[in-house]
Amino acid sequence: MPVKEKKKKPTRIHINQKWCKGCYICLEACPKKVFEKSPEVAEKGFNPVVVAHSEQCTHCWQCEMLCPDLAIHVAKES
């Protein structure tokens, strides 16, 4: 009997750019390197974090738990 592959549920990662202060903790905390610095400079004077590879997210929630500004929310799509 063939083994069924588990379908990975898509991930929705939201970064509240108004709350993000550019500490980049999420860049270091993510084991799959889902985030990157944007090439664009924000009005606050830093390169904001953007979701670059949401398909690689393993739902460990390290980014959400470690964000000091509560600017990241990770949700599995139903």
C-alpha atoms as a PDB file:
ATOM      1  CA  MET A   1       0.000   0.000   0.000  1.00  0.00           C
ATOM      2  CA  PRO A   2       1.505   3.393  -0.962  1.00  0.00           C
ATOM      3  CA  VAL A   3       2.343   5.797   1.811  1.00  0.00           C
ATOM      4  CA  LYS A   4       0.238   8.954   1.703  1.00  0.00           C
ATOM      5  CA  GLU A   5       2.180  12.163   1.918  1.00  0.00           C
ATOM      6  CA  LYS A   6       0.912  14.638   4.454  1.00  0.00           C
ATOM      7  CA  LYS A   7      -0.196  17.778   2.707  1.00  0.00           C
ATOM      8  CA  LYS A   8       1.402  20.753   4.331  1.00  0.00           C
ATOM      9  CA  LYS A   9      -1.133  23.386   5.251  1.00  0.00           C
ATOM     10  CA  PRO A  10      -0.329  26.794   3.786  1.00  0.00           C
ATOM     11  CA  THR A  11       0.902  29.422   6.184  1.00  0.00           C
ATOM     12  CA  ARG A  12      -0.155  33.017   6.453  1.00  0.00           C
ATOM     13  CA  ILE A  13       2.444  35.217   8.125  1.00  0.00           C
ATOM     14  CA  HIS A  14       1.499  38.809   8.814  1.00  0.00           C
ATOM     15  CA  ILE A  15       4.013  41.472   9.824  1.00  0.00           C
ATOM     16  CA  ASN A  16       2.530  44.675  11.200  1.00  0.00           C
ATOM     17  CA  GLN A  17       4.939  47.180   9.667  1.00  0.00           C
ATOM     18  CA  LYS A  18       3.692  49.959  11.964  1.00  0.00           C
ATOM     19  CA  TRP A  19       4.812  48.001  15.033  1.00  0.00           C
ATOM     20  CA  CYS A  20       8.064  46.551  13.662  1.00  0.00           C
ATOM     21  CA  LYS A  21      11.153  48.474  14.797  1.00  0.00           C
ATOM     22  CA  GLY A  22      13.687  46.533  12.734  1.00  0.00           C
ATOM     23  CA  CYS A  23      15.385  44.561  15.504  1.00  0.00           C
ATOM     24  CA  TYR A  24      15.726  41.553  13.138  1.00  0.00           C
ATOM     25  CA  ILE A  25      15.295  38.994  15.925  1.00  0.00           C
ATOM     26  CA  CYS A  26      12.925  37.098  13.632  1.00  0.00           C
ATOM     27  CA  LEU A  27      15.668  36.781  10.996  1.00  0.00           C
ATOM     28  CA  GLU A  28      17.902  35.027  13.520  1.00  0.00           C
ATOM     29  CA  ALA A  29      15.156  33.014  15.245  1.00  0.00           C
ATOM     30  CA  CYS A  30      13.633  31.418  12.155  1.00  0.00           C
ATOM     31  CA  PRO A  31      15.201  28.006  11.517  1.00  0.00           C
ATOM     32  CA  LYS A  32      14.003  28.002   7.872  1.00  0.00           C
ATOM     33  CA  LYS A  33      14.972  31.580   6.957  1.00  0.00           C
ATOM     34  CA  VAL A  34      11.429  32.578   6.036  1.00  0.00           C
ATOM     35  CA  PHE A  35      12.160  36.300   6.507  1.00  0.00           C
ATOM     36  CA  GLU A  36      14.462  38.723   4.698  1.00  0.00           C
ATOM     37  CA  LYS A  37      15.278  42.405   4.968  1.00  0.00           C
ATOM     38  CA  SER A  38      13.447  44.417   2.371  1.00  0.00           C
ATOM     39  CA  PRO A  39      15.608  46.412  -0.051  1.00  0.00           C
ATOM     40  CA  GLU A  40      13.244  49.343   0.585  1.00  0.00           C
ATOM     41  CA  VAL A  41      13.916  51.738   3.468  1.00  0.00           C
ATOM     42  CA  ALA A  42      10.895  52.373   5.712  1.00  0.00           C
ATOM     43  CA  GLU A  43       9.887  55.849   6.841  1.00  0.00           C
ATOM     44  CA  LYS A  44      11.457  55.022  10.230  1.00  0.00           C
ATOM     45  CA  GLY A  45      14.847  54.730   8.491  1.00  0.00           C
ATOM     46  CA  PHE A  46      15.505  50.976   8.474  1.00  0.00           C
ATOM     47  CA  ASN A  47      14.935  48.111   6.069  1.00  0.00           C
ATOM     48  CA  PRO A  48      11.755  46.372   7.247  1.00  0.00           C
ATOM     49  CA  VAL A  49      11.416  42.621   7.492  1.00  0.00           C
ATOM     50  CA  VAL A  50       9.364  40.896   4.800  1.00  0.00           C
ATOM     51  CA  VAL A  51       8.092  37.350   4.393  1.00  0.00           C
ATOM     52  CA  ALA A  52      10.157  35.871   1.582  1.00  0.00           C
ATOM     53  CA  HIS A  53       9.578  32.117   1.858  1.00  0.00           C
ATOM     54  CA  SER A  54       6.293  31.371   3.643  1.00  0.00           C
ATOM     55  CA  GLU A  55       6.167  27.911   2.040  1.00  0.00           C
ATOM     56  CA  GLN A  56       9.188  26.924   4.165  1.00  0.00           C
ATOM     57  CA  CYS A  57       7.500  27.817   7.472  1.00  0.00           C
ATOM     58  CA  THR A  58       7.289  24.874   9.902  1.00  0.00           C
ATOM     59  CA  HIS A  59       4.880  26.622  12.291  1.00  0.00           C
ATOM     60  CA  CYS A  60       7.386  26.694  15.148  1.00  0.00           C
ATOM     61  CA  TRP A  61       6.146  30.200  16.056  1.00  0.00           C
ATOM     62  CA  GLN A  62       9.618  31.299  17.201  1.00  0.00           C
ATOM     63  CA  CYS A  63       9.299  34.553  15.272  1.00  0.00           C
ATOM     64  CA  GLU A  64       5.927  35.344  16.825  1.00  0.00           C
ATOM     65  CA  MET A  65       7.010  34.420  20.353  1.00  0.00           C
ATOM     66  CA  LEU A  66      10.313  36.316  20.243  1.00  0.00           C
ATOM     67  CA  CYS A  67       9.131  39.517  18.550  1.00  0.00           C
ATOM     68  CA  PRO A  68       9.404  42.172  21.278  1.00  0.00           C
ATOM     69  CA  ASP A  69       6.807  44.357  19.532  1.00  0.00           C
ATOM     70  CA  LEU A  70       4.230  41.621  18.839  1.00  0.00           C
ATOM     71  CA  ALA A  71       4.445  42.605  15.172  1.00  0.00           C
ATOM     72  CA  ILE A  72       4.341  39.045  13.764  1.00  0.00           C
ATOM     73  CA  HIS A  73       1.364  36.713  13.567  1.00  0.00           C
ATOM     74  CA  VAL A  74       1.622  33.188  12.114  1.00  0.00           C
ATOM     75  CA  ALA A  75      -1.541  31.287  11.173  1.00  0.00           C
ATOM     76  CA  LYS A  76      -2.166  27.988   9.415  1.00  0.00           C
ATOM     77  CA  GLU A  77      -4.703  28.289   6.642  1.00  0.00           C
ATOM     78  CA  SER A  78      -7.666  25.951   6.962  1.00  0.00           C
END
